[in-house]
Amino acid sequence: MSKKFYIVVPFYVFEAPSKSGVIQSLKSIFKPSTIVKELTPEQLETYKSQLLQRTELIFDGLIGMGLKAKTLERDDLMSIFYGLYNPGSKFTSRSDN
């Protein structure tokens, strides 16, 4: 018998809060801004390297406990989500073979 567990490593970009009043802060809770922030290529590479460092730290801890760990790629994620949303289907992924 084998079990699979999935660990999601979240990443949030923390920015310095803007100087605003209490009323403006409350308004932003009920009506969040719809402005999408664009990242520069340098910022994207910095954030990717930070996320990679976090995942490597988690991998090291899991391997230290004697567990197997791997980063899921696009096809693996697609098959997992397909299985979650279509539990009765006969779809099999390449990694399950």
PDB file of N, CA and C in Angstrom:
ATOM      1  N   MET A   1       0.843  -1.170   0.000  1.00  0.00           N
ATOM      2  CA  MET A   1       0.000   0.000   0.000  1.00  0.00           C
ATOM      3  C   MET A   1       0.893   1.239   0.000  1.00  0.00           C
ATOM      4  N   SER A   2       0.598   2.151  -0.870  1.00  0.00           N
ATOM      5  CA  SER A   2       1.359   3.400  -0.908  1.00  0.00           C
ATOM      6  C   SER A   2       0.392   4.578  -0.909  1.00  0.00           C
ATOM      7  N   LYS A   3       0.836   5.641  -0.317  1.00  0.00           N
ATOM      8  CA  LYS A   3       0.027   6.860  -0.275  1.00  0.00           C
ATOM      9  C   LYS A   3       0.843   7.998  -0.851  1.00  0.00           C
ATOM     10  N   LYS A   4       0.147   8.910  -1.488  1.00  0.00           N
ATOM     11  CA  LYS A   4       0.802  10.093  -2.043  1.00  0.00           C
ATOM     12  C   LYS A   4       0.260  11.321  -1.336  1.00  0.00           C
ATOM     13  N   PHE A   5       1.162  12.186  -0.967  1.00  0.00           N
ATOM     14  CA  PHE A   5       0.804  13.458  -0.360  1.00  0.00           C
ATOM     15  C   PHE A   5       1.402  14.565  -1.210  1.00  0.00           C
ATOM     16  N   TYR A   6       0.678  15.642  -1.325  1.00  0.00           N
ATOM     17  CA  TYR A   6       1.134  16.777  -2.124  1.00  0.00           C
ATOM     18  C   TYR A   6       1.324  17.976  -1.213  1.00  0.00           C
ATOM     19  N   ILE A   7       2.457  18.622  -1.380  1.00  0.00           N
ATOM     20  CA  ILE A   7       2.764  19.818  -0.602  1.00  0.00           C
ATOM     21  C   ILE A   7       2.767  21.006  -1.554  1.00  0.00           C
ATOM     22  N   VAL A   8       1.966  21.982  -1.240  1.00  0.00           N
ATOM     23  CA  VAL A   8       1.908  23.210  -2.031  1.00  0.00           C
ATOM     24  C   VAL A   8       2.749  24.245  -1.316  1.00  0.00           C
ATOM     25  N   VAL A   9       3.700  24.796  -2.038  1.00  0.00           N
ATOM     26  CA  VAL A   9       4.582  25.813  -1.467  1.00  0.00           C
ATOM     27  C   VAL A   9       4.083  27.173  -1.943  1.00  0.00           C
ATOM     28  N   PRO A  10       3.434  27.923  -1.064  1.00  0.00           N
ATOM     29  CA  PRO A  10       2.920  29.227  -1.493  1.00  0.00           C
ATOM     30  C   PRO A  10       4.032  30.267  -1.551  1.00  0.00           C
ATOM     31  N   PHE A  11       3.798  31.271  -2.336  1.00  0.00           N
ATOM     32  CA  PHE A  11       4.751  32.378  -2.420  1.00  0.00           C
ATOM     33  C   PHE A  11       3.972  33.667  -2.548  1.00  0.00           C
ATOM     34  N   TYR A  12       4.274  34.595  -1.672  1.00  0.00           N
ATOM     35  CA  TYR A  12       3.626  35.902  -1.697  1.00  0.00           C
ATOM     36  C   TYR A  12       4.693  36.968  -1.814  1.00  0.00           C
ATOM     37  N   VAL A  13       4.422  37.960  -2.631  1.00  0.00           N
ATOM     38  CA  VAL A  13       5.325  39.086  -2.772  1.00  0.00           C
ATOM     39  C   VAL A  13       4.924  40.113  -1.721  1.00  0.00           C
ATOM     40  N   PHE A  14       5.813  40.348  -0.793  1.00  0.00           N
ATOM     41  CA  PHE A  14       5.539  41.330   0.255  1.00  0.00           C
ATOM     42  C   PHE A  14       6.104  42.671  -0.172  1.00  0.00           C
ATOM     43  N   GLU A  15       5.245  43.650  -0.140  1.00  0.00           N
ATOM     44  CA  GLU A  15       5.653  44.994  -0.500  1.00  0.00           C
ATOM     45  C   GLU A  15       5.410  45.915   0.679  1.00  0.00           C
ATOM     46  N   ALA A  16       6.115  47.005   0.686  1.00  0.00           N
ATOM     47  CA  ALA A  16       5.929  47.980   1.754  1.00  0.00           C
ATOM     48  C   ALA A  16       4.531  48.564   1.660  1.00  0.00           C
ATOM     49  N   PRO A  17       3.818  48.617   2.770  1.00  0.00           N
ATOM     50  CA  PRO A  17       2.464  49.170   2.718  1.00  0.00           C
ATOM     51  C   PRO A  17       2.493  50.651   2.363  1.00  0.00           C
ATOM     52  N   SER A  18       1.491  51.053   1.602  1.00  0.00           N
ATOM     53  CA  SER A  18       1.408  52.458   1.237  1.00  0.00           C
ATOM     54  C   SER A  18       0.839  53.248   2.406  1.00  0.00           C
ATOM     55  N   LYS A  19       1.176  54.509   2.435  1.00  0.00           N
ATOM     56  CA  LYS A  19       0.685  55.365   3.512  1.00  0.00           C
ATOM     57  C   LYS A  19      -0.749  55.761   3.195  1.00  0.00           C
ATOM     58  N   SER A  20      -1.677  55.207   3.940  1.00  0.00           N
ATOM     59  CA  SER A  20      -3.079  55.543   3.759  1.00  0.00           C
ATOM     60  C   SER A  20      -3.761  55.515   5.111  1.00  0.00           C
ATOM     61  N   GLY A  21      -4.901  56.123   5.166  1.00  0.00           N
ATOM     62  CA  GLY A  21      -5.638  56.189   6.410  1.00  0.00           C
ATOM     63  C   GLY A  21      -6.403  54.922   6.697  1.00  0.00           C
ATOM     64  N   VAL A  22      -7.027  54.899   7.849  1.00  0.00           N
ATOM     65  CA  VAL A  22      -7.801  53.739   8.274  1.00  0.00           C
ATOM     66  C   VAL A  22      -8.999  53.535   7.358  1.00  0.00           C
ATOM     67  N   ILE A  23      -9.654  54.619   6.970  1.00  0.00           N
ATOM     68  CA  ILE A  23     -10.832  54.513   6.112  1.00  0.00           C
ATOM     69  C   ILE A  23     -10.445  53.946   4.747  1.00  0.00           C
ATOM     70  N   GLN A  24      -9.328  54.402   4.205  1.00  0.00           N
ATOM     71  CA  GLN A  24      -8.878  53.885   2.911  1.00  0.00           C
ATOM     72  C   GLN A  24      -8.536  52.398   3.007  1.00  0.00           C
ATOM     73  N   SER A  25      -7.970  51.971   4.129  1.00  0.00           N
ATOM     74  CA  SER A  25      -7.648  50.559   4.321  1.00  0.00           C
ATOM     75  C   SER A  25      -8.914  49.713   4.369  1.00  0.00           C
ATOM     76  N   LEU A  26      -9.944  50.220   5.051  1.00  0.00           N
ATOM     77  CA  LEU A  26     -11.211  49.486   5.122  1.00  0.00           C
ATOM     78  C   LEU A  26     -11.880  49.412   3.753  1.00  0.00           C
ATOM     79  N   LYS A  27     -11.798  50.486   2.976  1.00  0.00           N
ATOM     80  CA  LYS A  27     -12.383  50.474   1.636  1.00  0.00           C
ATOM     81  C   LYS A  27     -11.690  49.438   0.754  1.00  0.00           C
ATOM     82  N   SER A  28     -10.374  49.307   0.915  1.00  0.00           N
ATOM     83  CA  SER A  28      -9.632  48.364   0.072  1.00  0.00           C
ATOM     84  C   SER A  28      -9.988  46.920   0.403  1.00  0.00           C
ATOM     85  N   ILE A  29     -10.480  46.658   1.614  1.00  0.00           N
ATOM     86  CA  ILE A  29     -10.891  45.301   1.973  1.00  0.00           C
ATOM     87  C   ILE A  29     -12.158  44.924   1.210  1.00  0.00           C
ATOM     88  N   PHE A  30     -13.109  45.839   1.150  1.00  0.00           N
ATOM     89  CA  PHE A  30     -14.384  45.551   0.514  1.00  0.00           C
ATOM     90  C   PHE A  30     -14.364  45.742  -0.999  1.00  0.00           C
ATOM     91  N   LYS A  31     -13.448  46.537  -1.491  1.00  0.00           N
ATOM     92  CA  LYS A  31     -13.348  46.764  -2.923  1.00  0.00           C
ATOM     93  C   LYS A  31     -11.869  46.729  -3.308  1.00  0.00           C
ATOM     94  N   PRO A  32     -11.329  45.523  -3.502  1.00  0.00           N
ATOM     95  CA  PRO A  32      -9.909  45.431  -3.845  1.00  0.00           C
ATOM     96  C   PRO A  32      -9.654  46.014  -5.225  1.00  0.00           C
ATOM     97  N   SER A  33      -8.457  46.487  -5.421  1.00  0.00           N
ATOM     98  CA  SER A  33      -8.119  47.087  -6.709  1.00  0.00           C
ATOM     99  C   SER A  33      -8.011  45.994  -7.756  1.00  0.00           C
ATOM    100  N   THR A  34      -8.379  46.327  -8.950  1.00  0.00           N
ATOM    101  CA  THR A  34      -8.338  45.371 -10.049  1.00  0.00           C
ATOM    102  C   THR A  34      -7.112  45.605 -10.921  1.00  0.00           C
ATOM    103  N   ILE A  35      -6.177  46.376 -10.447  1.00  0.00           N
ATOM    104  CA  ILE A  35      -4.980  46.673 -11.212  1.00  0.00           C
ATOM    105  C   ILE A  35      -4.026  45.485 -11.113  1.00  0.00           C
ATOM    106  N   VAL A  36      -3.614  44.990 -12.251  1.00  0.00           N
ATOM    107  CA  VAL A  36      -2.671  43.883 -12.289  1.00  0.00           C
ATOM    108  C   VAL A  36      -1.275  44.476 -12.371  1.00  0.00           C
ATOM    109  N   LYS A  37      -0.426  44.055 -11.458  1.00  0.00           N
ATOM    110  CA  LYS A  37       0.940  44.558 -11.460  1.00  0.00           C
ATOM    111  C   LYS A  37       1.785  43.706 -12.390  1.00  0.00           C
ATOM    112  N   GLU A  38       2.546  44.367 -13.218  1.00  0.00           N
ATOM    113  CA  GLU A  38       3.416  43.652 -14.133  1.00  0.00           C
ATOM    114  C   GLU A  38       4.798  43.548 -13.513  1.00  0.00           C
ATOM    115  N   LEU A  39       5.403  42.403 -13.728  1.00  0.00           N
ATOM    116  CA  LEU A  39       6.740  42.168 -13.198  1.00  0.00           C
ATOM    117  C   LEU A  39       7.770  42.368 -14.291  1.00  0.00           C
ATOM    118  N   THR A  40       8.884  42.907 -13.897  1.00  0.00           N
ATOM    119  CA  THR A  40       9.998  42.997 -14.827  1.00  0.00           C
ATOM    120  C   THR A  40      10.661  41.631 -14.897  1.00  0.00           C
ATOM    121  N   PRO A  41      11.389  41.352 -15.957  1.00  0.00           N
ATOM    122  CA  PRO A  41      12.082  40.055 -16.038  1.00  0.00           C
ATOM    123  C   PRO A  41      13.041  39.821 -14.865  1.00  0.00           C
ATOM    124  N   GLU A  42      13.650  40.883 -14.365  1.00  0.00           N
ATOM    125  CA  GLU A  42      14.558  40.745 -13.221  1.00  0.00           C
ATOM    126  C   GLU A  42      13.798  40.347 -11.961  1.00  0.00           C
ATOM    127  N   GLN A  43      12.639  40.970 -11.745  1.00  0.00           N
ATOM    128  CA  GLN A  43      11.816  40.616 -10.589  1.00  0.00           C
ATOM    129  C   GLN A  43      11.339  39.168 -10.689  1.00  0.00           C
ATOM    130  N   LEU A  44      10.932  38.757 -11.883  1.00  0.00           N
ATOM    131  CA  LEU A  44      10.456  37.397 -12.075  1.00  0.00           C
ATOM    132  C   LEU A  44      11.561  36.394 -11.750  1.00  0.00           C
ATOM    133  N   GLU A  45      12.766  36.640 -12.210  1.00  0.00           N
ATOM    134  CA  GLU A  45      13.880  35.737 -11.917  1.00  0.00           C
ATOM    135  C   GLU A  45      14.196  35.715 -10.424  1.00  0.00           C
ATOM    136  N   THR A  46      14.110  36.865  -9.776  1.00  0.00           N
ATOM    137  CA  THR A  46      14.352  36.922  -8.334  1.00  0.00           C
ATOM    138  C   THR A  46      13.309  36.104  -7.585  1.00  0.00           C
ATOM    139  N   TYR A  47      12.041  36.262  -7.941  1.00  0.00           N
ATOM    140  CA  TYR A  47      10.974  35.532  -7.269  1.00  0.00           C
ATOM    141  C   TYR A  47      11.069  34.033  -7.540  1.00  0.00           C
ATOM    142  N   LYS A  48      11.443  33.664  -8.779  1.00  0.00           N
ATOM    143  CA  LYS A  48      11.602  32.249  -9.096  1.00  0.00           C
ATOM    144  C   LYS A  48      12.732  31.623  -8.284  1.00  0.00           C
ATOM    145  N   SER A  49      13.831  32.344  -8.135  1.00  0.00           N
ATOM    146  CA  SER A  49      14.948  31.798  -7.357  1.00  0.00           C
ATOM    147  C   SER A  49      14.578  31.686  -5.879  1.00  0.00           C
ATOM    148  N   GLN A  50      13.812  32.639  -5.355  1.00  0.00           N
ATOM    149  CA  GLN A  50      13.367  32.552  -3.963  1.00  0.00           C
ATOM    150  C   GLN A  50      12.449  31.351  -3.757  1.00  0.00           C
ATOM    151  N   LEU A  51      11.543  31.109  -4.694  1.00  0.00           N
ATOM    152  CA  LEU A  51      10.643  29.966  -4.599  1.00  0.00           C
ATOM    153  C   LEU A  51      11.418  28.653  -4.715  1.00  0.00           C
ATOM    154  N   LEU A  52      12.412  28.619  -5.591  1.00  0.00           N
ATOM    155  CA  LEU A  52      13.238  27.429  -5.736  1.00  0.00           C
ATOM    156  C   LEU A  52      14.003  27.142  -4.444  1.00  0.00           C
ATOM    157  N   GLN A  53      14.494  28.176  -3.781  1.00  0.00           N
ATOM    158  CA  GLN A  53      15.190  27.994  -2.506  1.00  0.00           C
ATOM    159  C   GLN A  53      14.246  27.419  -1.449  1.00  0.00           C
ATOM    160  N   ARG A  54      13.021  27.894  -1.423  1.00  0.00           N
ATOM    161  CA  ARG A  54      12.051  27.386  -0.452  1.00  0.00           C
ATOM    162  C   ARG A  54      11.728  25.917  -0.712  1.00  0.00           C
ATOM    163  N   THR A  55      11.543  25.557  -1.985  1.00  0.00           N
ATOM    164  CA  THR A  55      11.226  24.166  -2.297  1.00  0.00           C
ATOM    165  C   THR A  55      12.410  23.249  -1.995  1.00  0.00           C
ATOM    166  N   GLU A  56      13.623  23.709  -2.244  1.00  0.00           N
ATOM    167  CA  GLU A  56      14.798  22.891  -1.927  1.00  0.00           C
ATOM    168  C   GLU A  56      14.920  22.668  -0.426  1.00  0.00           C
ATOM    169  N   LEU A  57      14.597  23.665   0.363  1.00  0.00           N
ATOM    170  CA  LEU A  57      14.630  23.520   1.818  1.00  0.00           C
ATOM    171  C   LEU A  57      13.619  22.470   2.273  1.00  0.00           C
ATOM    172  N   ILE A  58      12.427  22.497   1.684  1.00  0.00           N
ATOM    173  CA  ILE A  58      11.398  21.510   2.023  1.00  0.00           C
ATOM    174  C   ILE A  58      11.822  20.124   1.549  1.00  0.00           C
ATOM    175  N   PHE A  59      12.398  20.031   0.341  1.00  0.00           N
ATOM    176  CA  PHE A  59      12.880  18.747  -0.164  1.00  0.00           C
ATOM    177  C   PHE A  59      13.912  18.141   0.774  1.00  0.00           C
ATOM    178  N   ASP A  60      14.847  18.961   1.214  1.00  0.00           N
ATOM    179  CA  ASP A  60      15.888  18.470   2.110  1.00  0.00           C
ATOM    180  C   ASP A  60      15.288  17.907   3.395  1.00  0.00           C
ATOM    181  N   GLY A  61      14.287  18.568   3.932  1.00  0.00           N
ATOM    182  CA  GLY A  61      13.630  18.080   5.139  1.00  0.00           C
ATOM    183  C   GLY A  61      12.912  16.768   4.916  1.00  0.00           C
ATOM    184  N   LEU A  62      12.233  16.644   3.770  1.00  0.00           N
ATOM    185  CA  LEU A  62      11.516  15.412   3.464  1.00  0.00           C
ATOM    186  C   LEU A  62      12.479  14.249   3.219  1.00  0.00           C
ATOM    187  N   ILE A  63      13.528  14.508   2.492  1.00  0.00           N
ATOM    188  CA  ILE A  63      14.518  13.462   2.227  1.00  0.00           C
ATOM    189  C   ILE A  63      15.214  13.059   3.517  1.00  0.00           C
ATOM    190  N   GLY A  64      15.425  14.012   4.408  1.00  0.00           N
ATOM    191  CA  GLY A  64      16.017  13.713   5.704  1.00  0.00           C
ATOM    192  C   GLY A  64      15.148  12.788   6.539  1.00  0.00           C
ATOM    193  N   MET A  65      13.836  12.803   6.294  1.00  0.00           N
ATOM    194  CA  MET A  65      12.917  11.904   6.998  1.00  0.00           C
ATOM    195  C   MET A  65      12.750  10.574   6.271  1.00  0.00           C
ATOM    196  N   GLY A  66      13.445  10.398   5.152  1.00  0.00           N
ATOM    197  CA  GLY A  66      13.367   9.150   4.412  1.00  0.00           C
ATOM    198  C   GLY A  66      12.222   9.085   3.415  1.00  0.00           C
ATOM    199  N   LEU A  67      11.685  10.215   3.022  1.00  0.00           N
ATOM    200  CA  LEU A  67      10.577  10.254   2.065  1.00  0.00           C
ATOM    201  C   LEU A  67      11.086  10.624   0.687  1.00  0.00           C
ATOM    202  N   LYS A  68      10.363  10.205  -0.335  1.00  0.00           N
ATOM    203  CA  LYS A  68      10.687  10.578  -1.706  1.00  0.00           C
ATOM    204  C   LYS A  68       9.957  11.875  -2.034  1.00  0.00           C
ATOM    205  N   ALA A  69      10.602  12.740  -2.782  1.00  0.00           N
ATOM    206  CA  ALA A  69       9.978  14.007  -3.151  1.00  0.00           C
ATOM    207  C   ALA A  69      10.379  14.370  -4.573  1.00  0.00           C
ATOM    208  N   LYS A  70       9.461  14.982  -5.290  1.00  0.00           N
ATOM    209  CA  LYS A  70       9.769  15.478  -6.626  1.00  0.00           C
ATOM    210  C   LYS A  70       8.869  16.671  -6.933  1.00  0.00           C
ATOM    211  N   THR A  71       9.355  17.532  -7.793  1.00  0.00           N
ATOM    212  CA  THR A  71       8.577  18.674  -8.239  1.00  0.00           C
ATOM    213  C   THR A  71       7.682  18.225  -9.384  1.00  0.00           C
ATOM    214  N   LEU A  72       6.412  18.534  -9.285  1.00  0.00           N
ATOM    215  CA  LEU A  72       5.484  18.141 -10.335  1.00  0.00           C
ATOM    216  C   LEU A  72       5.570  19.119 -11.496  1.00  0.00           C
ATOM    217  N   GLU A  73       5.591  18.569 -12.681  1.00  0.00           N
ATOM    218  CA  GLU A  73       5.636  19.375 -13.894  1.00  0.00           C
ATOM    219  C   GLU A  73       4.226  19.559 -14.435  1.00  0.00           C
ATOM    220  N   ARG A  74       4.115  20.197 -15.547  1.00  0.00           N
ATOM    221  CA  ARG A  74       2.826  20.562 -16.139  1.00  0.00           C
ATOM    222  C   ARG A  74       1.921  19.347 -16.346  1.00  0.00           C
ATOM    223  N   ASP A  75       2.427  18.291 -16.967  1.00  0.00           N
ATOM    224  CA  ASP A  75       1.603  17.119 -17.250  1.00  0.00           C
ATOM    225  C   ASP A  75       1.136  16.436 -15.968  1.00  0.00           C
ATOM    226  N   ASP A  76       2.016  16.371 -14.980  1.00  0.00           N
ATOM    227  CA  ASP A  76       1.632  15.770 -13.698  1.00  0.00           C
ATOM    228  C   ASP A  76       0.509  16.555 -13.038  1.00  0.00           C
ATOM    229  N   LEU A  77       0.632  17.878 -13.041  1.00  0.00           N
ATOM    230  CA  LEU A  77      -0.406  18.716 -12.438  1.00  0.00           C
ATOM    231  C   LEU A  77      -1.732  18.589 -13.180  1.00  0.00           C
ATOM    232  N   MET A  78      -1.655  18.520 -14.499  1.00  0.00           N
ATOM    233  CA  MET A  78      -2.885  18.383 -15.290  1.00  0.00           C
ATOM    234  C   MET A  78      -3.589  17.071 -14.966  1.00  0.00           C
ATOM    235  N   SER A  79      -2.847  15.992 -14.831  1.00  0.00           N
ATOM    236  CA  SER A  79      -3.499  14.716 -14.540  1.00  0.00           C
ATOM    237  C   SER A  79      -4.076  14.691 -13.128  1.00  0.00           C
ATOM    238  N   ILE A  80      -3.413  15.337 -12.179  1.00  0.00           N
ATOM    239  CA  ILE A  80      -3.941  15.406 -10.810  1.00  0.00           C
ATOM    240  C   ILE A  80      -5.252  16.189 -10.787  1.00  0.00           C
ATOM    241  N   PHE A  81      -5.260  17.355 -11.411  1.00  0.00           N
ATOM    242  CA  PHE A  81      -6.471  18.168 -11.419  1.00  0.00           C
ATOM    243  C   PHE A  81      -7.591  17.491 -12.210  1.00  0.00           C
ATOM    244  N   TYR A  82      -7.249  16.808 -13.292  1.00  0.00           N
ATOM    245  CA  TYR A  82      -8.271  16.089 -14.050  1.00  0.00           C
ATOM    246  C   TYR A  82      -8.901  15.012 -13.182  1.00  0.00           C
ATOM    247  N   GLY A  83      -8.074  14.291 -12.443  1.00  0.00           N
ATOM    248  CA  GLY A  83      -8.584  13.249 -11.552  1.00  0.00           C
ATOM    249  C   GLY A  83      -9.440  13.804 -10.437  1.00  0.00           C
ATOM    250  N   LEU A  84      -9.096  14.986  -9.932  1.00  0.00           N
ATOM    251  CA  LEU A  84      -9.889  15.605  -8.871  1.00  0.00           C
ATOM    252  C   LEU A  84     -11.267  16.026  -9.367  1.00  0.00           C
ATOM    253  N   TYR A  85     -11.310  16.593 -10.561  1.00  0.00           N
ATOM    254  CA  TYR A  85     -12.574  17.097 -11.082  1.00  0.00           C
ATOM    255  C   TYR A  85     -13.384  16.039 -11.820  1.00  0.00           C
ATOM    256  N   ASN A  86     -12.762  14.910 -12.152  1.00  0.00           N
ATOM    257  CA  ASN A  86     -13.440  13.818 -12.851  1.00  0.00           C
ATOM    258  C   ASN A  86     -13.106  12.503 -12.149  1.00  0.00           C
ATOM    259  N   PRO A  87     -13.625  12.285 -10.943  1.00  0.00           N
ATOM    260  CA  PRO A  87     -13.202  11.130 -10.152  1.00  0.00           C
ATOM    261  C   PRO A  87     -13.587   9.774 -10.742  1.00  0.00           C
ATOM    262  N   GLY A  88     -14.597   9.687 -11.568  1.00  0.00           N
ATOM    263  CA  GLY A  88     -15.034   8.405 -12.099  1.00  0.00           C
ATOM    264  C   GLY A  88     -14.411   8.048 -13.432  1.00  0.00           C
ATOM    265  N   SER A  89     -13.545   8.881 -13.968  1.00  0.00           N
ATOM    266  CA  SER A  89     -13.010   8.632 -15.309  1.00  0.00           C
ATOM    267  C   SER A  89     -11.896   7.590 -15.272  1.00  0.00           C
ATOM    268  N   LYS A  90     -11.590   7.042 -16.430  1.00  0.00           N
ATOM    269  CA  LYS A  90     -10.546   6.025 -16.565  1.00  0.00           C
ATOM    270  C   LYS A  90      -9.224   6.615 -17.015  1.00  0.00           C
ATOM    271  N   PHE A  91      -9.084   7.929 -16.934  1.00  0.00           N
ATOM    272  CA  PHE A  91      -7.868   8.613 -17.383  1.00  0.00           C
ATOM    273  C   PHE A  91      -6.700   8.215 -16.490  1.00  0.00           C
ATOM    274  N   THR A  92      -5.590   7.827 -17.091  1.00  0.00           N
ATOM    275  CA  THR A  92      -4.378   7.521 -16.336  1.00  0.00           C
ATOM    276  C   THR A  92      -3.255   8.403 -16.843  1.00  0.00           C
ATOM    277  N   SER A  93      -2.414   8.805 -15.948  1.00  0.00           N
ATOM    278  CA  SER A  93      -1.293   9.642 -16.332  1.00  0.00           C
ATOM    279  C   SER A  93      -0.081   8.784 -16.590  1.00  0.00           C
ATOM    280  N   ARG A  94       0.926   9.374 -17.204  1.00  0.00           N
ATOM    281  CA  ARG A  94       2.158   8.646 -17.476  1.00  0.00           C
ATOM    282  C   ARG A  94       2.905   8.291 -16.213  1.00  0.00           C
ATOM    283  N   SER A  95       2.783   9.128 -15.175  1.00  0.00           N
ATOM    284  CA  SER A  95       3.519   8.879 -13.933  1.00  0.00           C
ATOM    285  C   SER A  95       2.911   7.741 -13.105  1.00  0.00           C
ATOM    286  N   ASP A  96       1.645   7.366 -13.368  1.00  0.00           N
ATOM    287  CA  ASP A  96       1.005   6.290 -12.624  1.00  0.00           C
ATOM    288  C   ASP A  96       1.334   4.909 -13.175  1.00  0.00           C
ATOM    289  N   ASN A  97       1.939   4.846 -14.356  1.00  0.00           N
ATOM    290  CA  ASN A  97       2.227   3.544 -14.970  1.00  0.00           C
ATOM    291  C   ASN A  97       3.362   2.834 -14.302  1.00  0.00           C
TER     292      ASN A  97
END
